[in-house]
């Protein structure tokens, strides 16, 4: 599953570390999701969307 997390982090001027801390996950988890090596749980996907104040569909793209 493709995602736009890196793009949204840039828009919000947020580092992987800051995002990970807010979501209570490791920076490595954020990195793996961004590189399409790990699909987050539904709960984490919704937390990410809530953090950026957008819908899940705006961040995650089914390829």
N, C-alpha and C. Protein backbone atom coordinates (compact mmCIF):
# COMPACT_ATOMS: atom_id res chain seq x y z
N UNK A 1 0.84 -1.18 0.00
CA UNK A 1 0.00 0.00 0.00
C UNK A 1 0.89 1.24 0.00
N UNK A 2 0.67 2.10 -0.95
CA UNK A 2 1.42 3.36 -1.03
C UNK A 2 0.88 4.34 0.01
N UNK A 3 1.73 5.28 0.38
CA UNK A 3 1.26 6.29 1.33
C UNK A 3 1.95 7.63 1.06
N UNK A 4 1.38 8.67 1.66
CA UNK A 4 1.90 10.03 1.47
C UNK A 4 2.37 10.63 2.80
N UNK A 5 2.80 9.78 3.72
CA UNK A 5 3.21 10.26 5.04
C UNK A 5 4.37 11.25 4.93
N UNK A 6 5.37 10.91 4.15
CA UNK A 6 6.53 11.79 4.01
C UNK A 6 6.09 13.17 3.50
N UNK A 7 5.19 13.18 2.52
CA UNK A 7 4.67 14.43 1.97
C UNK A 7 3.93 15.24 3.04
N UNK A 8 3.09 14.57 3.81
CA UNK A 8 2.35 15.28 4.87
C UNK A 8 3.29 15.74 5.99
N UNK A 9 4.34 14.96 6.27
CA UNK A 9 5.31 15.41 7.27
C UNK A 9 5.99 16.69 6.82
N UNK A 10 6.31 16.76 5.53
CA UNK A 10 6.97 17.96 4.98
C UNK A 10 6.03 19.17 5.07
N UNK A 11 4.78 18.98 4.73
CA UNK A 11 3.80 20.07 4.79
C UNK A 11 3.67 20.59 6.22
N UNK A 12 3.71 19.67 7.19
CA UNK A 12 3.53 20.04 8.60
C UNK A 12 4.85 20.27 9.32
N UNK A 13 5.96 20.21 8.57
CA UNK A 13 7.30 20.42 9.13
C UNK A 13 7.51 19.54 10.38
N UNK A 14 7.26 18.25 10.20
CA UNK A 14 7.36 17.28 11.29
C UNK A 14 8.40 16.21 10.93
N UNK A 15 9.27 15.88 11.86
CA UNK A 15 10.26 14.83 11.62
C UNK A 15 9.64 13.47 11.89
N UNK A 16 10.35 12.44 11.43
CA UNK A 16 9.90 11.07 11.74
C UNK A 16 9.86 10.87 13.24
N UNK A 17 10.85 11.38 13.93
CA UNK A 17 10.92 11.23 15.39
C UNK A 17 9.73 11.90 16.08
N UNK A 18 9.40 13.11 15.66
CA UNK A 18 8.26 13.83 16.26
C UNK A 18 6.95 13.10 16.00
N UNK A 19 6.78 12.62 14.78
CA UNK A 19 5.56 11.89 14.45
C UNK A 19 5.47 10.61 15.26
N UNK A 20 6.57 9.89 15.33
CA UNK A 20 6.60 8.63 16.09
C UNK A 20 6.24 8.87 17.55
N UNK A 21 6.78 9.92 18.13
CA UNK A 21 6.50 10.23 19.53
C UNK A 21 5.01 10.53 19.73
N UNK A 22 4.43 11.31 18.84
CA UNK A 22 3.01 11.65 18.94
C UNK A 22 2.12 10.41 18.79
N UNK A 23 2.55 9.46 17.97
CA UNK A 23 1.75 8.26 17.70
C UNK A 23 2.11 7.11 18.63
N UNK A 24 3.13 7.31 19.45
CA UNK A 24 3.60 6.31 20.41
C UNK A 24 4.08 5.03 19.71
N UNK A 25 4.87 5.24 18.66
CA UNK A 25 5.53 4.15 17.96
C UNK A 25 7.00 4.54 17.79
N UNK A 26 7.81 3.61 17.28
CA UNK A 26 9.22 3.93 17.07
C UNK A 26 9.41 4.70 15.76
N UNK A 27 10.53 5.39 15.66
CA UNK A 27 10.87 6.08 14.43
C UNK A 27 11.05 5.07 13.31
N UNK A 28 11.56 3.88 13.65
CA UNK A 28 11.76 2.82 12.67
C UNK A 28 10.42 2.38 12.07
N UNK A 29 9.35 2.41 12.87
CA UNK A 29 8.02 2.06 12.37
C UNK A 29 7.59 3.07 11.32
N UNK A 30 7.77 4.35 11.62
CA UNK A 30 7.40 5.40 10.65
C UNK A 30 8.22 5.24 9.38
N UNK A 31 9.52 5.00 9.52
CA UNK A 31 10.40 4.81 8.37
C UNK A 31 9.92 3.62 7.52
N UNK A 32 9.61 2.51 8.15
CA UNK A 32 9.17 1.31 7.42
C UNK A 32 7.85 1.57 6.69
N UNK A 33 6.94 2.29 7.31
CA UNK A 33 5.67 2.62 6.66
C UNK A 33 5.92 3.51 5.45
N UNK A 34 6.75 4.54 5.64
CA UNK A 34 7.05 5.47 4.53
C UNK A 34 7.69 4.75 3.35
N UNK A 35 8.51 3.75 3.61
CA UNK A 35 9.21 3.04 2.54
C UNK A 35 8.41 1.85 2.01
N UNK A 36 7.13 1.77 2.41
CA UNK A 36 6.23 0.70 1.95
C UNK A 36 6.72 -0.69 2.33
N UNK A 37 7.45 -0.78 3.44
CA UNK A 37 7.92 -2.07 3.92
C UNK A 37 7.02 -2.62 5.02
N UNK A 38 6.08 -1.81 5.49
CA UNK A 38 5.20 -2.20 6.58
C UNK A 38 3.86 -1.49 6.41
N UNK A 39 2.78 -2.26 6.45
CA UNK A 39 1.45 -1.67 6.42
C UNK A 39 0.97 -1.52 7.86
N UNK A 40 0.61 -0.31 8.26
CA UNK A 40 0.20 -0.10 9.65
C UNK A 40 -1.15 -0.76 9.94
N UNK A 41 -1.40 -1.00 11.21
CA UNK A 41 -2.70 -1.50 11.61
C UNK A 41 -3.74 -0.43 11.29
N UNK A 42 -4.98 -0.84 11.26
CA UNK A 42 -6.06 0.12 10.99
C UNK A 42 -6.07 1.21 12.06
N UNK A 43 -5.84 0.81 13.30
CA UNK A 43 -5.82 1.77 14.41
C UNK A 43 -4.72 2.82 14.21
N UNK A 44 -3.53 2.36 13.82
CA UNK A 44 -2.41 3.29 13.59
C UNK A 44 -2.68 4.17 12.37
N UNK A 45 -3.27 3.60 11.33
CA UNK A 45 -3.59 4.39 10.14
C UNK A 45 -4.54 5.54 10.50
N UNK A 46 -5.54 5.25 11.33
CA UNK A 46 -6.46 6.30 11.75
C UNK A 46 -5.77 7.34 12.63
N UNK A 47 -4.83 6.90 13.47
CA UNK A 47 -4.09 7.84 14.31
C UNK A 47 -3.25 8.79 13.45
N UNK A 48 -2.64 8.23 12.40
CA UNK A 48 -1.83 9.05 11.48
C UNK A 48 -2.72 10.08 10.79
N UNK A 49 -3.86 9.63 10.28
CA UNK A 49 -4.79 10.53 9.60
C UNK A 49 -5.27 11.62 10.55
N UNK A 50 -5.58 11.25 11.78
CA UNK A 50 -6.06 12.23 12.77
C UNK A 50 -4.97 13.25 13.07
N UNK A 51 -3.73 12.79 13.17
CA UNK A 51 -2.62 13.69 13.45
C UNK A 51 -2.51 14.77 12.36
N UNK A 52 -2.66 14.37 11.10
CA UNK A 52 -2.55 15.31 10.00
C UNK A 52 -3.88 15.98 9.64
N UNK A 53 -4.94 15.61 10.35
CA UNK A 53 -6.28 16.20 10.15
C UNK A 53 -6.78 15.99 8.72
N UNK A 54 -6.60 14.76 8.23
CA UNK A 54 -7.10 14.38 6.91
C UNK A 54 -7.72 12.99 7.01
N UNK A 55 -8.34 12.55 5.93
CA UNK A 55 -8.92 11.21 5.93
C UNK A 55 -7.83 10.17 5.67
N UNK A 56 -8.10 8.95 6.07
CA UNK A 56 -7.17 7.84 5.84
C UNK A 56 -6.89 7.70 4.34
N UNK A 57 -7.94 7.89 3.53
CA UNK A 57 -7.80 7.75 2.08
C UNK A 57 -6.86 8.79 1.47
N UNK A 58 -6.70 9.92 2.12
CA UNK A 58 -5.79 10.96 1.61
C UNK A 58 -4.33 10.57 1.85
N UNK A 59 -4.10 9.74 2.85
CA UNK A 59 -2.72 9.35 3.18
C UNK A 59 -2.34 8.02 2.54
N UNK A 60 -3.25 7.07 2.59
CA UNK A 60 -2.96 5.72 2.10
C UNK A 60 -3.68 5.47 0.77
N UNK A 61 -2.90 5.00 -0.21
CA UNK A 61 -3.42 4.75 -1.54
C UNK A 61 -3.27 3.26 -1.85
N UNK A 62 -4.39 2.61 -2.15
CA UNK A 62 -4.36 1.21 -2.52
C UNK A 62 -3.86 1.09 -3.95
N UNK A 63 -2.74 0.41 -4.15
CA UNK A 63 -2.19 0.33 -5.51
C UNK A 63 -2.73 -0.79 -6.31
